[in-house]
Amino acid sequence: MTTVERRAAATSAPGGTARTGDRPPRRELGVANVFSHGFLLLWALLTVLPLVWVVFNSLRTDGEILADPWSLPDAPHFENWARAWNKAHIGRYLLNSGVVVIGSLALTMFFGATAAYVFARYEFRGRQIVYYLFVGGMMFPVFLALVPLFFVVRNLGLFATWTGLILVYAAYSLPFTVFFLTAFFRTLPTSVGEAAMIDGCGHFRLFFRVMLPMARPGLISVAIFNFLSQWNQFLLPQVLMQGNDSKWVLAQGLSALAISQGYQNDYSGLFAGLTIGMLPVLFVYVAFQRQVQSGLTAGQLK
């Protein structure tokens, strides 16, 4: 029996040991797992601890914060939240942000989904050129467009209005939405659409009644990403909403609160305003985290 035959018999026989090239050594896998889990744990601590510190300080008095900013509150002072909501007008800014983000998100998802579906499912002349023009918008920084955008919005009579800000938000969110959803629509089975067309389903009905429900994980994922970016947007509203503080969004309100409360030494009110501002984002992510994960992984399976 040759050497090759002995090795083959040893690996095929019961109790035979497999070749070392078949699987990576367990020791290396263990070291990689420990390193990756340790890095993720460190990242989680760096992310969570500042948020917890803000929440705890929002329930303390100014004297307790100045005496020991790292200790736990002796008793919760929810009047800090009420003061930030009423005196600092956080409630009004929160409502303004809700109106702007809901309006811009609806426009972004509608036009982004329809454009992405056309790019993914239909062949026409110039399709790739138009698609790359959309994708190229992701590489265009907003800082370069502030001055011409200011004059365009002002000349249209939309300066310092919710309508102007909603349209600008939607325009800057469309490139990523089209890029993400085009790849997602391409993973959907074509047999379902063909069967619906054979049954007499038109193009519009096929899109709204068949394809959109199938693309729900991807729609929810990109909607949450757009919600987070639009909710935390500060530069665009700071430029386009000047002179009308009654329509400021939350980012502008928190910036003004940080400046005013810093001069007034009302640190508990500042922390309370920050806590109120981050609660909607935290609630949205916790409520839809499974949909986000399924949407990110569904595009890898076909």
Protein backbone atom coordinates (compact mmCIF):
# COMPACT_ATOMS: atom_id res chain seq x y z
CA MET A 1 0.00 0.00 0.00
CA THR A 2 1.39 3.36 -1.00
CA THR A 3 1.66 6.37 1.26
CA VAL A 4 -1.27 8.11 -0.45
CA GLU A 5 -3.49 5.05 0.02
CA ARG A 6 -2.56 4.80 3.73
CA ARG A 7 -3.53 8.44 4.30
CA ALA A 8 -6.83 7.99 2.46
CA ALA A 9 -7.64 4.89 4.47
CA ALA A 10 -6.77 6.64 7.72
CA THR A 11 -9.08 9.55 7.00
CA SER A 12 -11.96 7.37 5.77
CA ALA A 13 -11.74 4.79 8.57
CA PRO A 14 -13.85 5.26 11.72
CA GLY A 15 -11.91 7.25 14.26
CA GLY A 16 -9.49 8.45 11.64
CA THR A 17 -8.24 11.97 11.95
CA ALA A 18 -9.06 14.51 9.27
CA ARG A 19 -6.37 16.42 7.52
CA THR A 20 -5.28 19.66 9.10
CA GLY A 21 -6.10 21.58 5.94
CA ASP A 22 -9.81 20.74 6.16
CA ARG A 23 -10.55 23.11 9.01
CA PRO A 24 -8.68 25.94 10.74
CA PRO A 25 -7.05 25.20 14.09
CA ARG A 26 -9.36 25.65 17.04
CA ARG A 27 -6.78 27.65 18.93
CA GLU A 28 -6.70 30.32 16.21
CA LEU A 29 -10.51 30.46 16.15
CA GLY A 30 -10.60 30.86 19.91
CA VAL A 31 -8.14 33.75 19.84
CA ALA A 32 -10.10 35.45 17.04
CA ASN A 33 -13.37 35.05 18.92
CA VAL A 34 -11.92 36.47 22.12
CA PHE A 35 -10.46 39.45 20.25
CA SER A 36 -13.67 40.18 18.31
CA HIS A 37 -15.91 39.82 21.37
CA GLY A 38 -13.58 41.99 23.42
CA PHE A 39 -13.59 44.69 20.74
CA LEU A 40 -17.39 44.60 20.50
CA LEU A 41 -17.69 44.81 24.28
CA LEU A 42 -15.37 47.81 24.38
CA TRP A 43 -17.33 49.48 21.58
CA ALA A 44 -20.61 48.85 23.41
CA LEU A 45 -19.24 50.38 26.61
CA LEU A 46 -17.95 53.46 24.79
CA THR A 47 -21.40 53.90 23.22
CA VAL A 48 -23.69 53.09 26.15
CA LEU A 49 -21.88 54.64 29.11
CA PRO A 50 -22.10 58.28 27.89
CA LEU A 51 -25.82 57.85 27.22
CA VAL A 52 -26.41 56.36 30.67
CA TRP A 53 -24.39 59.19 32.23
CA VAL A 54 -26.57 61.79 30.47
CA VAL A 55 -29.77 60.08 31.63
CA PHE A 56 -28.60 59.89 35.25
CA ASN A 57 -27.53 63.55 35.31
CA SER A 58 -30.90 64.58 33.87
CA LEU A 59 -32.46 63.26 37.10
CA ARG A 60 -30.12 65.15 39.46
CA THR A 61 -29.90 68.71 40.70
CA ASP A 62 -27.24 71.18 39.61
CA GLY A 63 -25.57 70.99 43.02
CA GLU A 64 -25.29 67.20 42.81
CA ILE A 65 -23.86 67.39 39.30
CA LEU A 66 -21.20 69.94 40.29
CA ALA A 67 -20.34 68.09 43.50
CA ASP A 68 -19.90 64.66 41.93
CA PRO A 69 -20.87 64.27 38.25
CA TRP A 70 -20.23 60.49 38.29
CA SER A 71 -22.45 59.42 41.18
CA LEU A 72 -25.98 58.04 40.99
CA PRO A 73 -28.92 60.37 41.71
CA ASP A 74 -30.12 60.31 45.32
CA ALA A 75 -33.72 60.85 44.20
CA PRO A 76 -35.08 61.32 40.66
CA HIS A 77 -35.94 64.93 39.82
CA PHE A 78 -38.36 64.71 36.91
CA GLU A 79 -39.03 68.43 37.19
CA ASN A 80 -35.84 68.87 35.15
CA TRP A 81 -37.59 67.21 32.21
CA ALA A 82 -40.67 69.40 32.67
CA ARG A 83 -38.49 72.52 32.78
CA ALA A 84 -36.66 71.52 29.60
CA TRP A 85 -39.93 70.66 27.87
CA ASN A 86 -41.67 73.94 28.69
CA LYS A 87 -39.05 76.59 29.40
CA ALA A 88 -36.54 75.49 26.77
CA HIS A 89 -39.31 74.64 24.25
CA ILE A 90 -37.95 71.15 23.62
CA GLY A 91 -41.49 69.92 23.06
CA ARG A 92 -42.02 72.41 20.22
CA TYR A 93 -38.70 71.55 18.60
CA LEU A 94 -39.51 67.85 18.92
CA LEU A 95 -42.83 68.37 17.15
CA ASN A 96 -41.17 70.41 14.40
CA SER A 97 -38.60 67.68 13.80
CA GLY A 98 -41.37 65.09 13.66
CA VAL A 99 -43.26 67.05 10.99
CA VAL A 100 -40.16 67.64 8.85
CA VAL A 101 -38.76 64.10 9.13
CA ILE A 102 -42.10 62.37 8.50
CA GLY A 103 -42.74 64.51 5.42
CA SER A 104 -39.25 64.10 3.98
CA LEU A 105 -39.17 60.39 4.79
CA ALA A 106 -42.46 59.82 2.96
CA LEU A 107 -41.16 61.60 -0.15
CA THR A 108 -37.81 59.82 0.03
CA MET A 109 -39.28 56.34 0.34
CA PHE A 110 -41.91 56.85 -2.37
CA PHE A 111 -39.63 58.31 -5.04
CA GLY A 112 -36.64 56.20 -4.00
CA ALA A 113 -38.58 52.92 -4.13
CA THR A 114 -40.18 53.68 -7.50
CA ALA A 115 -36.87 54.75 -9.06
CA ALA A 116 -35.00 51.77 -7.62
CA TYR A 117 -37.64 49.35 -8.89
CA VAL A 118 -37.38 50.75 -12.42
CA PHE A 119 -33.57 50.56 -12.37
CA ALA A 120 -33.65 46.98 -11.09
CA ARG A 121 -36.44 45.50 -13.24
CA TYR A 122 -36.66 47.41 -16.54
CA GLU A 123 -34.23 47.79 -19.42
CA PHE A 124 -34.20 51.10 -21.29
CA ARG A 125 -31.68 53.31 -23.02
CA GLY A 126 -29.59 55.39 -20.64
CA ARG A 127 -30.59 53.35 -17.58
CA GLN A 128 -27.03 52.92 -16.33
CA ILE A 129 -26.20 56.59 -16.89
CA VAL A 130 -29.18 57.80 -14.86
CA TYR A 131 -28.48 55.22 -12.16
CA TYR A 132 -24.87 56.31 -11.79
CA LEU A 133 -25.98 59.93 -11.62
CA PHE A 134 -28.11 58.98 -8.62
CA VAL A 135 -25.26 57.04 -7.02
CA GLY A 136 -22.85 59.90 -7.69
CA GLY A 137 -24.97 62.07 -5.45
CA MET A 138 -23.65 60.13 -2.45
CA MET A 139 -20.14 61.46 -3.16
CA PHE A 140 -21.25 65.09 -3.27
CA PRO A 141 -20.71 66.70 0.16
CA VAL A 142 -23.42 68.97 1.45
CA PHE A 143 -20.89 71.66 2.37
CA LEU A 144 -20.23 72.43 -1.30
CA ALA A 145 -23.92 73.06 -2.00
CA LEU A 146 -24.81 75.29 0.94
CA VAL A 147 -24.37 78.63 -0.83
CA PRO A 148 -26.20 77.80 -4.10
CA LEU A 149 -28.80 75.85 -2.12
CA PHE A 150 -29.43 78.89 0.06
CA PHE A 151 -30.14 81.09 -2.97
CA VAL A 152 -32.26 78.44 -4.74
CA VAL A 153 -34.49 77.91 -1.72
CA ARG A 154 -34.78 81.65 -1.10
CA ASN A 155 -35.64 82.43 -4.74
CA LEU A 156 -38.36 79.77 -4.66
CA GLY A 157 -39.94 81.46 -1.64
CA LEU A 158 -39.31 78.43 0.57
CA PHE A 159 -36.70 79.91 2.89
CA ALA A 160 -37.35 79.29 6.61
CA THR A 161 -40.30 77.02 5.81
CA TRP A 162 -40.94 73.36 6.52
CA THR A 163 -41.71 72.72 2.86
CA GLY A 164 -38.26 73.88 1.75
CA LEU A 165 -36.51 71.84 4.41
CA ILE A 166 -38.57 68.73 3.59
CA LEU A 167 -37.69 68.95 -0.11
CA VAL A 168 -33.98 69.43 0.63
CA TYR A 169 -33.94 66.50 3.08
CA ALA A 170 -35.63 64.26 0.51
CA ALA A 171 -33.24 65.30 -2.25
CA TYR A 172 -30.16 64.50 -0.18
CA SER A 173 -31.55 61.15 0.99
CA LEU A 174 -32.54 59.89 -2.47
CA PRO A 175 -29.08 58.76 -3.71
CA PHE A 176 -28.47 56.32 -0.86
CA THR A 177 -32.09 55.13 -0.96
CA VAL A 178 -31.95 54.40 -4.69
CA PHE A 179 -28.56 52.67 -4.36
CA PHE A 180 -29.71 50.47 -1.47
CA LEU A 181 -33.13 49.53 -2.84
CA THR A 182 -31.91 48.85 -6.38
CA ALA A 183 -29.65 46.12 -5.08
CA PHE A 184 -32.47 44.81 -2.91
CA PHE A 185 -35.07 44.68 -5.72
CA ARG A 186 -32.62 42.72 -7.87
CA THR A 187 -32.59 39.93 -5.29
CA LEU A 188 -36.36 39.43 -5.40
CA PRO A 189 -37.52 36.42 -7.46
CA THR A 190 -38.59 37.32 -10.98
CA SER A 191 -40.91 34.31 -11.18
CA VAL A 192 -43.39 35.95 -8.80
CA GLY A 193 -43.62 39.07 -10.96
CA GLU A 194 -43.97 37.02 -14.14
CA ALA A 195 -46.77 34.95 -12.61
CA ALA A 196 -48.58 38.13 -11.53
CA MET A 197 -48.27 39.58 -15.04
CA ILE A 198 -49.68 36.39 -16.56
CA ASP A 199 -52.65 36.63 -14.18
CA GLY A 200 -53.43 40.07 -15.59
CA CYS A 201 -51.62 42.28 -13.07
CA GLY A 202 -50.53 45.65 -14.50
CA HIS A 203 -47.21 47.35 -13.88
CA PHE A 204 -48.48 49.70 -11.19
CA ARG A 205 -50.44 47.00 -9.41
CA LEU A 206 -47.47 44.65 -9.64
CA PHE A 207 -45.27 47.21 -7.95
CA PHE A 208 -47.64 48.29 -5.17
CA ARG A 209 -49.39 44.96 -4.48
CA VAL A 210 -46.60 42.42 -5.08
CA MET A 211 -43.09 43.88 -5.09
CA LEU A 212 -43.40 46.42 -2.28
CA PRO A 213 -44.66 43.86 0.28
CA MET A 214 -41.83 41.52 -0.72
CA ALA A 215 -39.30 44.33 -0.27
CA ARG A 216 -40.55 45.25 3.20
CA PRO A 217 -37.31 44.33 5.08
CA GLY A 218 -35.22 46.49 2.77
CA LEU A 219 -37.71 49.37 2.92
CA ILE A 220 -37.72 49.36 6.72
CA SER A 221 -33.92 49.22 6.89
CA VAL A 222 -33.31 52.16 4.56
CA ALA A 223 -36.17 54.09 6.17
CA ILE A 224 -34.52 53.80 9.58
CA PHE A 225 -31.15 54.89 8.20
CA ASN A 226 -32.78 57.91 6.56
CA PHE A 227 -34.71 58.67 9.74
CA LEU A 228 -31.53 58.73 11.81
CA SER A 229 -29.63 60.93 9.36
CA GLN A 230 -32.51 63.38 8.93
CA TRP A 231 -33.37 63.51 12.63
CA ASN A 232 -29.77 64.34 13.57
CA GLN A 233 -29.27 66.84 10.72
CA PHE A 234 -27.98 70.18 11.97
CA LEU A 235 -26.19 71.98 9.14
CA LEU A 236 -29.06 72.17 6.63
CA PRO A 237 -31.70 73.51 9.06
CA GLN A 238 -29.16 75.90 10.54
CA VAL A 239 -28.67 77.46 7.09
CA LEU A 240 -32.21 77.18 5.69
CA MET A 241 -34.25 78.00 8.82
CA GLN A 242 -32.65 81.25 9.92
CA GLY A 243 -34.82 83.98 11.41
CA ASN A 244 -37.76 81.73 12.30
CA ASP A 245 -37.03 80.14 15.66
CA SER A 246 -40.64 78.98 16.04
CA LYS A 247 -39.98 76.41 13.29
CA TRP A 248 -36.59 75.25 14.47
CA VAL A 249 -35.97 71.51 14.50
CA LEU A 250 -34.61 69.58 17.47
CA ALA A 251 -30.93 69.87 16.53
CA GLN A 252 -31.19 73.66 16.47
CA GLY A 253 -33.15 73.69 19.71
CA LEU A 254 -30.59 71.54 21.50
CA SER A 255 -27.77 73.75 20.23
CA ALA A 256 -29.51 76.86 21.52
CA LEU A 257 -30.27 75.06 24.78
CA ALA A 258 -26.62 74.13 25.27
CA ILE A 259 -25.57 77.77 24.81
CA SER A 260 -28.28 79.35 26.98
CA GLN A 261 -28.23 76.77 29.78
CA GLY A 262 -24.46 76.90 29.90
CA TYR A 263 -24.59 80.62 30.71
CA GLN A 264 -27.42 80.06 33.21
CA ASN A 265 -25.63 77.13 34.90
CA ASP A 266 -28.75 74.99 34.43
CA TYR A 267 -26.90 71.78 33.72
CA SER A 268 -29.72 69.52 34.86
CA GLY A 269 -32.07 71.15 32.33
CA LEU A 270 -29.44 70.69 29.62
CA PHE A 271 -29.06 66.98 30.37
CA ALA A 272 -32.85 66.61 30.51
CA GLY A 273 -33.19 68.21 27.07
CA LEU A 274 -30.52 65.91 25.65
CA THR A 275 -32.30 62.89 27.12
CA ILE A 276 -35.64 63.90 25.63
CA GLY A 277 -33.97 64.44 22.27
CA MET A 278 -32.41 60.99 22.09
CA LEU A 279 -35.46 59.03 23.29
CA PRO A 280 -37.30 59.00 19.90
CA VAL A 281 -34.25 57.69 18.07
CA LEU A 282 -33.68 55.03 20.71
CA PHE A 283 -37.32 53.98 20.59
CA VAL A 284 -37.32 53.66 16.79
CA TYR A 285 -34.19 51.53 16.77
CA VAL A 286 -35.35 49.22 19.56
CA ALA A 287 -38.74 48.79 17.90
CA PHE A 288 -37.33 47.94 14.46
CA GLN A 289 -33.94 46.37 15.18
CA ARG A 290 -35.01 42.94 13.90
CA GLN A 291 -36.28 44.44 10.65
CA VAL A 292 -32.97 46.28 10.23
CA GLN A 293 -30.98 43.08 10.67
CA SER A 294 -33.21 41.08 8.33
CA GLY A 295 -33.10 43.85 5.73
CA LEU A 296 -29.30 43.99 5.77
CA THR A 297 -28.92 40.21 5.42
CA ALA A 298 -31.78 39.52 3.01
CA GLY A 299 -29.88 41.07 0.13
CA GLN A 300 -27.14 38.44 0.54
CA LEU A 301 -29.54 35.51 0.07
CA LYS A 302 -31.31 34.76 -3.18
